[in-house]
Amino acid sequence: MADYLYVFRGGQPMGTPEQMQANMQKWRGWIESLAKSGNFKSGEPLDRDGKVVRGKSKVVTDGPYAEAKDVIGGYLLVTAGSLDAAVELSRGCPIFETDSGTVEVRPIAKM
């Protein structure tokens, strides 16, 4: 088994508080199913605020700022037998229900 990172872009829930709560429940259910199958390792949503440090002079700016479809909303660390298996597990993600977000699946390199 190897580790993989899911990076969630876009897919920001909109609607009434009840709709947003229902969406969060779908995410909890999906993550719980990954945990029960032994594939979930960790993960968290990310706040929209932050800072960006750039260049040799380490200039700090507010951000990150991106178009809504490119905003990274969170991540999960999962374990799977292969990249294809990790991709298959990602297909259960609620982000796909609105067709407004993506899941980037990246293998964690061994150091």
C-alpha atoms as a PDB file:
ATOM      1  CA  MET A   1       0.000   0.000   0.000  1.00  0.00           C
ATOM      2  CA  ALA A   2       1.164   3.524  -0.776  1.00  0.00           C
ATOM      3  CA  ASP A   3       0.030   6.985   0.303  1.00  0.00           C
ATOM      4  CA  TYR A   4      -1.808   9.428  -1.963  1.00  0.00           C
ATOM      5  CA  LEU A   5      -2.879  13.031  -1.540  1.00  0.00           C
ATOM      6  CA  TYR A   6      -6.287  14.228  -2.690  1.00  0.00           C
ATOM      7  CA  VAL A   7      -6.323  17.977  -3.375  1.00  0.00           C
ATOM      8  CA  PHE A   8      -9.848  19.393  -3.681  1.00  0.00           C
ATOM      9  CA  ARG A   9     -10.258  22.387  -6.011  1.00  0.00           C
ATOM     10  CA  GLY A  10     -13.439  24.402  -6.474  1.00  0.00           C
ATOM     11  CA  GLY A  11     -16.717  22.824  -5.495  1.00  0.00           C
ATOM     12  CA  GLN A  12     -17.479  25.435  -2.855  1.00  0.00           C
ATOM     13  CA  PRO A  13     -20.960  24.657  -1.509  1.00  0.00           C
ATOM     14  CA  MET A  14     -23.589  27.304  -2.060  1.00  0.00           C
ATOM     15  CA  GLY A  15     -27.181  27.480  -1.002  1.00  0.00           C
ATOM     16  CA  THR A  16     -29.152  27.601   2.176  1.00  0.00           C
ATOM     17  CA  PRO A  17     -27.607  26.654   5.524  1.00  0.00           C
ATOM     18  CA  GLU A  18     -29.608  23.414   5.356  1.00  0.00           C
ATOM     19  CA  GLN A  19     -28.184  22.575   1.906  1.00  0.00           C
ATOM     20  CA  MET A  20     -24.657  23.333   3.078  1.00  0.00           C
ATOM     21  CA  GLN A  21     -25.190  21.119   6.153  1.00  0.00           C
ATOM     22  CA  ALA A  22     -26.477  18.290   3.948  1.00  0.00           C
ATOM     23  CA  ASN A  23     -23.397  18.654   1.747  1.00  0.00           C
ATOM     24  CA  MET A  24     -21.103  18.468   4.777  1.00  0.00           C
ATOM     25  CA  GLN A  25     -22.916  15.319   5.909  1.00  0.00           C
ATOM     26  CA  LYS A  26     -22.167  13.717   2.519  1.00  0.00           C
ATOM     27  CA  TRP A  27     -18.480  14.556   2.971  1.00  0.00           C
ATOM     28  CA  ARG A  28     -18.491  13.083   6.493  1.00  0.00           C
ATOM     29  CA  GLY A  29     -20.138   9.915   5.189  1.00  0.00           C
ATOM     30  CA  TRP A  30     -17.613   9.525   2.374  1.00  0.00           C
ATOM     31  CA  ILE A  31     -14.660  10.058   4.711  1.00  0.00           C
ATOM     32  CA  GLU A  32     -16.149   7.619   7.243  1.00  0.00           C
ATOM     33  CA  SER A  33     -16.452   4.995   4.487  1.00  0.00           C
ATOM     34  CA  LEU A  34     -12.781   5.545   3.583  1.00  0.00           C
ATOM     35  CA  ALA A  35     -11.873   5.143   7.273  1.00  0.00           C
ATOM     36  CA  LYS A  36     -13.889   1.922   7.633  1.00  0.00           C
ATOM     37  CA  SER A  37     -12.158   0.435   4.585  1.00  0.00           C
ATOM     38  CA  GLY A  38      -8.738   1.336   6.022  1.00  0.00           C
ATOM     39  CA  ASN A  39      -7.926   3.870   3.271  1.00  0.00           C
ATOM     40  CA  PHE A  40      -8.262   7.160   5.206  1.00  0.00           C
ATOM     41  CA  LYS A  41      -5.174   8.489   6.970  1.00  0.00           C
ATOM     42  CA  SER A  42      -5.898  12.186   7.601  1.00  0.00           C
ATOM     43  CA  GLY A  43      -7.311  15.339   6.078  1.00  0.00           C
ATOM     44  CA  GLU A  44      -8.784  18.736   6.765  1.00  0.00           C
ATOM     45  CA  PRO A  45     -10.624  21.545   5.041  1.00  0.00           C
ATOM     46  CA  LEU A  46      -8.581  24.679   4.432  1.00  0.00           C
ATOM     47  CA  ASP A  47      -9.542  28.218   5.381  1.00  0.00           C
ATOM     48  CA  ARG A  48      -9.759  30.702   2.513  1.00  0.00           C
ATOM     49  CA  ASP A  49      -7.308  33.124   4.194  1.00  0.00           C
ATOM     50  CA  GLY A  50      -3.557  32.748   4.096  1.00  0.00           C
ATOM     51  CA  LYS A  51      -0.232  34.257   3.113  1.00  0.00           C
ATOM     52  CA  VAL A  52       2.141  33.561   0.232  1.00  0.00           C
ATOM     53  CA  VAL A  53       5.937  33.780   0.642  1.00  0.00           C
ATOM     54  CA  ARG A  54       7.894  34.278  -2.613  1.00  0.00           C
ATOM     55  CA  GLY A  55      11.406  34.594  -3.939  1.00  0.00           C
ATOM     56  CA  LYS A  56      14.860  35.023  -2.488  1.00  0.00           C
ATOM     57  CA  SER A  57      13.752  38.061  -0.529  1.00  0.00           C
ATOM     58  CA  LYS A  58      10.854  36.046   0.930  1.00  0.00           C
ATOM     59  CA  VAL A  59       8.248  38.717   0.207  1.00  0.00           C
ATOM     60  CA  VAL A  60       4.992  37.996   2.062  1.00  0.00           C
ATOM     61  CA  THR A  61       1.669  38.880   0.417  1.00  0.00           C
ATOM     62  CA  ASP A  62      -1.952  38.215   1.271  1.00  0.00           C
ATOM     63  CA  GLY A  63      -3.446  35.266  -0.494  1.00  0.00           C
ATOM     64  CA  PRO A  64      -3.676  32.876  -2.067  1.00  0.00           C
ATOM     65  CA  TYR A  65      -6.106  34.418  -4.515  1.00  0.00           C
ATOM     66  CA  ALA A  66      -7.433  32.398  -7.420  1.00  0.00           C
ATOM     67  CA  GLU A  67     -10.572  31.939  -9.446  1.00  0.00           C
ATOM     68  CA  ALA A  68     -13.232  30.014  -7.515  1.00  0.00           C
ATOM     69  CA  LYS A  69     -12.668  26.901  -9.636  1.00  0.00           C
ATOM     70  CA  ASP A  70      -8.960  26.888  -8.689  1.00  0.00           C
ATOM     71  CA  VAL A  71      -9.283  27.502  -4.945  1.00  0.00           C
ATOM     72  CA  ILE A  72      -7.911  24.611  -2.917  1.00  0.00           C
ATOM     73  CA  GLY A  73     -10.590  23.836  -0.364  1.00  0.00           C
ATOM     74  CA  GLY A  74      -8.969  20.952   1.464  1.00  0.00           C
ATOM     75  CA  TYR A  75      -7.027  17.729   1.269  1.00  0.00           C
ATOM     76  CA  LEU A  76      -7.086  14.101   2.333  1.00  0.00           C
ATOM     77  CA  LEU A  77      -4.247  11.662   2.756  1.00  0.00           C
ATOM     78  CA  VAL A  78      -5.290   8.143   1.807  1.00  0.00           C
ATOM     79  CA  THR A  79      -3.625   4.794   1.336  1.00  0.00           C
ATOM     80  CA  ALA A  80      -4.282   2.537  -1.634  1.00  0.00           C
ATOM     81  CA  GLY A  81      -2.700  -0.333  -3.541  1.00  0.00           C
ATOM     82  CA  SER A  82      -1.996   1.745  -6.647  1.00  0.00           C
ATOM     83  CA  LEU A  83      -2.602   5.119  -8.265  1.00  0.00           C
ATOM     84  CA  ASP A  84      -5.529   3.615 -10.183  1.00  0.00           C
ATOM     85  CA  ALA A  85      -7.026   2.316  -6.926  1.00  0.00           C
ATOM     86  CA  ALA A  86      -6.629   5.768  -5.325  1.00  0.00           C
ATOM     87  CA  VAL A  87      -8.345   7.348  -8.336  1.00  0.00           C
ATOM     88  CA  GLU A  88     -11.197   4.858  -8.036  1.00  0.00           C
ATOM     89  CA  LEU A  89     -11.641   5.702  -4.341  1.00  0.00           C
ATOM     90  CA  SER A  90     -11.779   9.410  -5.216  1.00  0.00           C
ATOM     91  CA  ARG A  91     -14.808   8.831  -7.466  1.00  0.00           C
ATOM     92  CA  GLY A  92     -17.003   8.646  -4.348  1.00  0.00           C
ATOM     93  CA  CYS A  93     -16.194  12.251  -3.431  1.00  0.00           C
ATOM     94  CA  PRO A  94     -19.264  14.510  -3.051  1.00  0.00           C
ATOM     95  CA  ILE A  95     -17.469  17.272  -4.974  1.00  0.00           C
ATOM     96  CA  PHE A  96     -18.563  15.549  -8.191  1.00  0.00           C
ATOM     97  CA  GLU A  97     -22.280  15.826  -7.401  1.00  0.00           C
ATOM     98  CA  THR A  98     -22.385  19.451  -8.559  1.00  0.00           C
ATOM     99  CA  ASP A  99     -19.782  19.142 -11.337  1.00  0.00           C
ATOM    100  CA  SER A 100     -18.091  22.249  -9.929  1.00  0.00           C
ATOM    101  CA  GLY A 101     -14.867  20.861  -8.535  1.00  0.00           C
ATOM    102  CA  THR A 102     -11.971  18.505  -9.077  1.00  0.00           C
ATOM    103  CA  VAL A 103      -9.932  16.025  -7.084  1.00  0.00           C
ATOM    104  CA  GLU A 104      -6.243  15.969  -7.910  1.00  0.00           C
ATOM    105  CA  VAL A 105      -4.779  12.570  -6.951  1.00  0.00           C
ATOM    106  CA  ARG A 106      -1.040  12.633  -6.266  1.00  0.00           C
ATOM    107  CA  PRO A 107       1.244   9.833  -5.121  1.00  0.00           C
ATOM    108  CA  ILE A 108       3.373  10.697  -2.085  1.00  0.00           C
ATOM    109  CA  ALA A 109       6.994  10.191  -3.123  1.00  0.00           C
ATOM    110  CA  LYS A 110       9.213   8.018  -0.961  1.00  0.00           C
ATOM    111  CA  MET A 111      12.215   9.905   0.393  1.00  0.00           C
END
